[in-house]
Amino acid sequence: MENISLEMVLFLLGAGFAASFIDSVVGGGGLISLPALLLTGLPPNLALGTNKLASVMCTLTSTISFIRSGKVNLGAVKYLFPLSFFGAVAGVYVVRHMPPQFLRPLVIVMLIAVAVYILVKKDWGKESTYRGFTKKTGLLSGLAALLLGFYDGFFGPGTGSFLIFAFLLLGFDFVEAAGNAKILNFASNIAAIVTFMLLKSVNYQYGLIMGAGMIGGALAGSRLAIRQGVAYVRPLFISVTGLLIGKQLWDLIH
């Protein structure tokens, strides 16, 4: 194990806290954590795996917070969790054999569509109208969990936004949608980190330090979201989705 300076420890803790404060609610924390890990000098493959280790610690923490607050519909997500997990396993396997960059233009269009829809429907997601699965919504939800799990394992950017949007379509309010989405995000993160570990693409020292910061950020972020409700989550969702669109456009151009 390498010696690590106090400055590096503080940098990783701070970056982890900031990333997970946002990610614990609406996703998008990788916009902060992944560049931070690259700044430490880790090669891209190690940075991706290390980031996923820290992200698992973040999603587990926020998942527990949302469950304890009663903002997760366990009856719905218990059927979707394994679909998201196995979808992610398939995505991670496929990405080893083909580059995912061709998805970027489609992802940008879809994120823009999600953001515009949320902006136009100003009252959408303020109150929960979910009354359980029908055959149709159950089938579509299962398909969405499988496909978004695959997408998270294969490419990733915007997964949190797409999951929240899917739960909003089912009738959940923004806070419940964020809580349910975090459960499925946790499933796909587990699949991804196991794969990265098997490929020996994780720096455990950096990942655990950043993960410790992420635990603190996840606790603070999820509790603030639960306390403040839709009035906090909706604008945060729109802001992070806008940042994700900008990031994907930047990467596409350059």
Protein backbone atom coordinates (compact mmCIF):
# COMPACT_ATOMS: atom_id res chain seq x y z
CA MET A 1 0.00 0.00 0.00
CA GLU A 2 1.44 3.35 -1.03
CA ASN A 3 1.97 6.25 1.33
CA ILE A 4 -0.65 8.89 0.74
CA SER A 5 -0.28 12.53 1.75
CA LEU A 6 -2.67 14.37 4.03
CA GLU A 7 -3.44 16.76 1.15
CA MET A 8 -4.49 13.85 -1.06
CA VAL A 9 -6.67 12.37 1.70
CA LEU A 10 -8.44 15.72 2.21
CA PHE A 11 -8.85 16.17 -1.56
CA LEU A 12 -10.45 12.74 -1.97
CA LEU A 13 -12.69 13.21 1.06
CA GLY A 14 -13.84 16.65 -0.14
CA ALA A 15 -14.45 15.52 -3.72
CA GLY A 16 -16.34 12.47 -2.48
CA PHE A 17 -18.54 14.53 -0.16
CA ALA A 18 -19.41 17.09 -2.87
CA ALA A 19 -20.10 14.41 -5.49
CA SER A 20 -22.31 12.27 -3.29
CA PHE A 21 -24.26 15.21 -1.84
CA ILE A 22 -25.76 15.59 -5.32
CA ASP A 23 -25.57 11.97 -6.44
CA SER A 24 -27.42 10.66 -3.38
CA VAL A 25 -30.59 12.34 -4.64
CA VAL A 26 -30.59 12.73 -8.43
CA GLY A 27 -27.35 11.14 -9.65
CA GLY A 28 -24.65 12.91 -11.62
CA GLY A 29 -21.98 12.73 -8.93
CA GLY A 30 -19.55 11.29 -11.45
CA LEU A 31 -19.29 14.78 -12.92
CA ILE A 32 -17.21 15.61 -9.84
CA SER A 33 -15.73 12.34 -8.58
CA LEU A 34 -14.36 10.92 -11.83
CA PRO A 35 -12.43 14.07 -12.89
CA ALA A 36 -11.13 14.30 -9.30
CA LEU A 37 -9.74 10.76 -9.50
CA LEU A 38 -8.17 11.49 -12.89
CA LEU A 39 -6.50 14.54 -11.34
CA THR A 40 -4.77 12.26 -8.83
CA GLY A 41 -2.93 10.64 -11.73
CA LEU A 42 -4.87 7.37 -11.92
CA PRO A 43 -5.15 5.95 -15.45
CA PRO A 44 -8.73 6.00 -16.86
CA ASN A 45 -9.44 2.29 -16.33
CA LEU A 46 -8.39 2.47 -12.66
CA ALA A 47 -10.23 5.78 -12.17
CA LEU A 48 -13.48 4.22 -13.47
CA GLY A 49 -13.22 1.20 -11.19
CA THR A 50 -12.16 3.25 -8.17
CA ASN A 51 -15.03 5.67 -8.78
CA LYS A 52 -17.47 2.77 -8.87
CA LEU A 53 -16.19 1.47 -5.52
CA ALA A 54 -16.80 4.86 -3.91
CA SER A 55 -20.17 5.14 -5.69
CA VAL A 56 -21.33 1.83 -4.22
CA MET A 57 -20.64 3.23 -0.75
CA CYS A 58 -22.62 6.35 -1.67
CA THR A 59 -25.63 4.54 -3.12
CA LEU A 60 -25.78 2.09 -0.20
CA THR A 61 -25.83 4.98 2.29
CA SER A 62 -28.50 6.98 0.47
CA THR A 63 -30.53 3.81 -0.16
CA ILE A 64 -30.64 3.09 3.58
CA SER A 65 -31.61 6.72 4.31
CA PHE A 66 -34.49 6.66 1.83
CA ILE A 67 -35.74 3.26 3.05
CA ARG A 68 -35.65 4.32 6.71
CA SER A 69 -37.61 7.48 5.87
CA GLY A 70 -40.35 5.49 4.13
CA LYS A 71 -39.63 7.16 0.78
CA VAL A 72 -39.09 3.87 -1.06
CA ASN A 73 -41.87 1.62 -2.34
CA LEU A 74 -40.34 -1.75 -1.50
CA GLY A 75 -43.30 -3.57 -3.00
CA ALA A 76 -42.44 -2.13 -6.41
CA VAL A 77 -38.64 -2.11 -6.37
CA LYS A 78 -38.18 -5.66 -5.04
CA TYR A 79 -39.28 -6.98 -8.44
CA LEU A 80 -37.17 -4.47 -10.37
CA PHE A 81 -33.92 -4.79 -8.38
CA PRO A 82 -32.77 -8.13 -9.88
CA LEU A 83 -33.66 -6.95 -13.39
CA SER A 84 -31.49 -3.86 -12.96
CA PHE A 85 -28.66 -6.02 -11.57
CA PHE A 86 -28.64 -8.56 -14.40
CA GLY A 87 -29.09 -5.81 -16.98
CA ALA A 88 -25.94 -4.15 -15.64
CA VAL A 89 -24.01 -7.43 -15.71
CA ALA A 90 -24.92 -7.79 -19.39
CA GLY A 91 -23.96 -4.16 -20.06
CA VAL A 92 -20.55 -4.49 -18.43
CA TYR A 93 -19.90 -7.68 -20.42
CA VAL A 94 -20.92 -6.10 -23.74
CA VAL A 95 -18.87 -2.92 -23.21
CA ARG A 96 -15.71 -5.05 -23.09
CA HIS A 97 -16.35 -6.05 -26.72
CA MET A 98 -17.61 -2.84 -28.31
CA PRO A 99 -17.16 0.92 -27.65
CA PRO A 100 -20.18 2.72 -26.16
CA GLN A 101 -19.42 6.16 -27.64
CA PHE A 102 -21.95 5.79 -30.45
CA LEU A 103 -24.68 6.16 -27.79
CA ARG A 104 -23.63 9.70 -26.84
CA PRO A 105 -25.78 11.62 -29.41
CA LEU A 106 -28.87 9.57 -28.50
CA VAL A 107 -28.27 10.12 -24.78
CA ILE A 108 -28.02 13.89 -25.32
CA VAL A 109 -31.35 13.94 -27.18
CA MET A 110 -33.03 11.84 -24.49
CA LEU A 111 -31.70 13.99 -21.63
CA ILE A 112 -32.90 17.14 -23.39
CA ALA A 113 -36.35 15.55 -23.88
CA VAL A 114 -36.52 14.62 -20.17
CA ALA A 115 -35.48 18.13 -19.06
CA VAL A 116 -37.95 19.86 -21.38
CA TYR A 117 -40.79 17.58 -20.30
CA ILE A 118 -40.12 18.27 -16.62
CA LEU A 119 -39.89 22.03 -17.25
CA VAL A 120 -43.16 22.13 -19.20
CA LYS A 121 -45.12 20.02 -16.69
CA LYS A 122 -44.50 22.26 -13.70
CA ASP A 123 -46.82 20.42 -11.28
CA TRP A 124 -45.69 16.94 -12.29
CA GLY A 125 -44.21 14.96 -9.44
CA LYS A 126 -45.51 17.19 -6.65
CA GLU A 127 -47.87 14.53 -5.34
CA SER A 128 -47.81 10.76 -5.65
CA THR A 129 -50.59 9.18 -7.70
CA TYR A 130 -49.06 5.69 -7.79
CA ARG A 131 -51.62 2.98 -7.04
CA GLY A 132 -49.69 -0.18 -7.84
CA PHE A 133 -48.66 -2.08 -10.95
CA THR A 134 -51.08 -3.15 -13.64
CA LYS A 135 -50.03 -5.85 -16.10
CA LYS A 136 -49.01 -3.16 -18.57
CA THR A 137 -47.10 -0.91 -16.17
CA GLY A 138 -45.48 -3.95 -14.51
CA LEU A 139 -44.21 -5.21 -17.86
CA LEU A 140 -43.00 -1.76 -18.95
CA SER A 141 -41.34 -1.12 -15.57
CA GLY A 142 -39.52 -4.44 -15.70
CA LEU A 143 -38.33 -3.69 -19.23
CA ALA A 144 -37.18 -0.20 -18.17
CA ALA A 145 -35.27 -1.59 -15.16
CA LEU A 146 -33.54 -4.17 -17.37
CA LEU A 147 -32.65 -1.70 -20.13
CA LEU A 148 -31.49 1.07 -17.78
CA GLY A 149 -29.43 -1.45 -15.81
CA PHE A 150 -27.83 -2.51 -19.10
CA TYR A 151 -27.28 1.13 -20.03
CA ASP A 152 -25.62 1.86 -16.68
CA GLY A 153 -23.24 -1.05 -17.12
CA PHE A 154 -22.57 -0.24 -20.78
CA PHE A 155 -22.29 3.56 -20.78
CA GLY A 156 -23.76 5.22 -17.67
CA PRO A 157 -24.16 9.02 -17.93
CA GLY A 158 -27.66 10.15 -17.02
CA THR A 159 -28.81 6.83 -15.52
CA GLY A 160 -30.11 8.58 -12.39
CA SER A 161 -32.12 11.07 -14.47
CA PHE A 162 -33.65 8.33 -16.60
CA LEU A 163 -34.56 6.20 -13.57
CA ILE A 164 -36.22 9.12 -11.78
CA PHE A 165 -38.13 9.99 -14.96
CA ALA A 166 -39.33 6.38 -15.24
CA PHE A 167 -40.67 6.40 -11.68
CA LEU A 168 -42.32 9.78 -12.24
CA LEU A 169 -44.15 8.23 -15.20
CA LEU A 170 -45.48 5.58 -12.81
CA GLY A 171 -47.00 8.33 -10.65
CA PHE A 172 -44.48 8.70 -7.82
CA ASP A 173 -43.59 12.17 -6.54
CA PHE A 174 -40.05 13.46 -6.97
CA VAL A 175 -38.77 12.34 -3.56
CA GLU A 176 -40.23 8.83 -3.87
CA ALA A 177 -38.98 8.61 -7.46
CA ALA A 178 -35.49 9.57 -6.26
CA GLY A 179 -35.60 6.96 -3.48
CA ASN A 180 -36.82 4.17 -5.76
CA ALA A 181 -34.28 5.14 -8.43
CA LYS A 182 -31.47 4.94 -5.90
CA ILE A 183 -32.37 1.30 -5.13
CA LEU A 184 -32.05 0.30 -8.79
CA ASN A 185 -28.90 2.38 -9.17
CA PHE A 186 -27.44 0.45 -6.23
CA ALA A 187 -28.20 -2.83 -8.02
CA SER A 188 -26.39 -1.80 -11.19
CA ASN A 189 -23.47 -0.39 -9.17
CA ILE A 190 -22.97 -3.74 -7.42
CA ALA A 191 -22.80 -5.52 -10.76
CA ALA A 192 -20.29 -3.00 -12.09
CA ILE A 193 -17.96 -2.99 -9.08
CA VAL A 194 -17.78 -6.80 -8.99
CA THR A 195 -16.71 -6.76 -12.63
CA PHE A 196 -14.09 -4.04 -12.05
CA MET A 197 -12.71 -6.01 -9.09
CA LEU A 198 -12.41 -9.16 -11.18
CA LEU A 199 -10.57 -7.13 -13.83
CA LYS A 200 -8.25 -5.73 -11.10
CA SER A 201 -9.24 -2.19 -12.10
CA VAL A 202 -9.76 -0.71 -8.62
CA ASN A 203 -7.42 1.35 -6.43
CA TYR A 204 -8.84 0.32 -3.06
CA GLN A 205 -6.90 2.92 -1.05
CA TYR A 206 -8.21 5.87 -3.06
CA GLY A 207 -11.66 4.32 -3.46
CA LEU A 208 -12.21 3.70 0.25
CA ILE A 209 -11.01 7.19 1.21
CA MET A 210 -13.26 8.83 -1.37
CA GLY A 211 -16.03 6.46 -0.33
CA ALA A 212 -15.76 7.65 3.27
CA GLY A 213 -16.34 11.20 2.04
CA MET A 214 -19.23 9.95 -0.06
CA ILE A 215 -20.91 8.36 2.95
CA GLY A 216 -20.97 11.76 4.67
CA GLY A 217 -22.23 13.51 1.53
CA ALA A 218 -24.90 10.86 0.94
CA LEU A 219 -26.21 11.18 4.49
CA ALA A 220 -26.37 14.96 4.25
CA GLY A 221 -27.82 15.04 0.74
CA SER A 222 -30.50 12.39 1.18
CA ARG A 223 -31.64 13.75 4.54
CA LEU A 224 -31.91 17.27 3.11
CA ALA A 225 -33.97 15.94 0.20
CA ILE A 226 -36.28 14.00 2.50
CA ARG A 227 -36.72 17.03 4.77
CA GLN A 228 -37.17 19.65 2.03
CA GLY A 229 -39.23 17.47 -0.30
CA VAL A 230 -40.20 18.14 -3.92
CA ALA A 231 -39.34 21.85 -3.71
CA TYR A 232 -35.67 20.85 -3.35
CA VAL A 233 -35.47 17.71 -5.49
CA ARG A 234 -37.17 19.05 -8.63
CA PRO A 235 -34.83 22.04 -9.28
CA LEU A 236 -31.81 19.90 -8.34
CA PHE A 237 -32.92 17.28 -10.84
CA ILE A 238 -33.29 19.88 -13.60
CA SER A 239 -29.91 21.47 -12.77
CA VAL A 240 -27.99 18.19 -12.75
CA THR A 241 -29.71 17.01 -15.95
CA GLY A 242 -28.67 20.31 -17.58
CA LEU A 243 -25.06 19.77 -16.46
CA LEU A 244 -25.12 16.22 -17.83
CA ILE A 245 -26.37 17.51 -21.19
CA GLY A 246 -23.58 20.09 -21.26
CA LYS A 247 -20.95 17.48 -20.35
CA GLN A 248 -22.10 15.06 -23.04
CA LEU A 249 -22.19 17.82 -25.65
CA TRP A 250 -18.66 18.89 -24.67
CA ASP A 251 -17.37 15.33 -24.96
CA LEU A 252 -19.12 14.86 -28.31
CA ILE A 253 -17.61 18.05 -29.77
CA HIS A 254 -14.11 17.34 -28.44
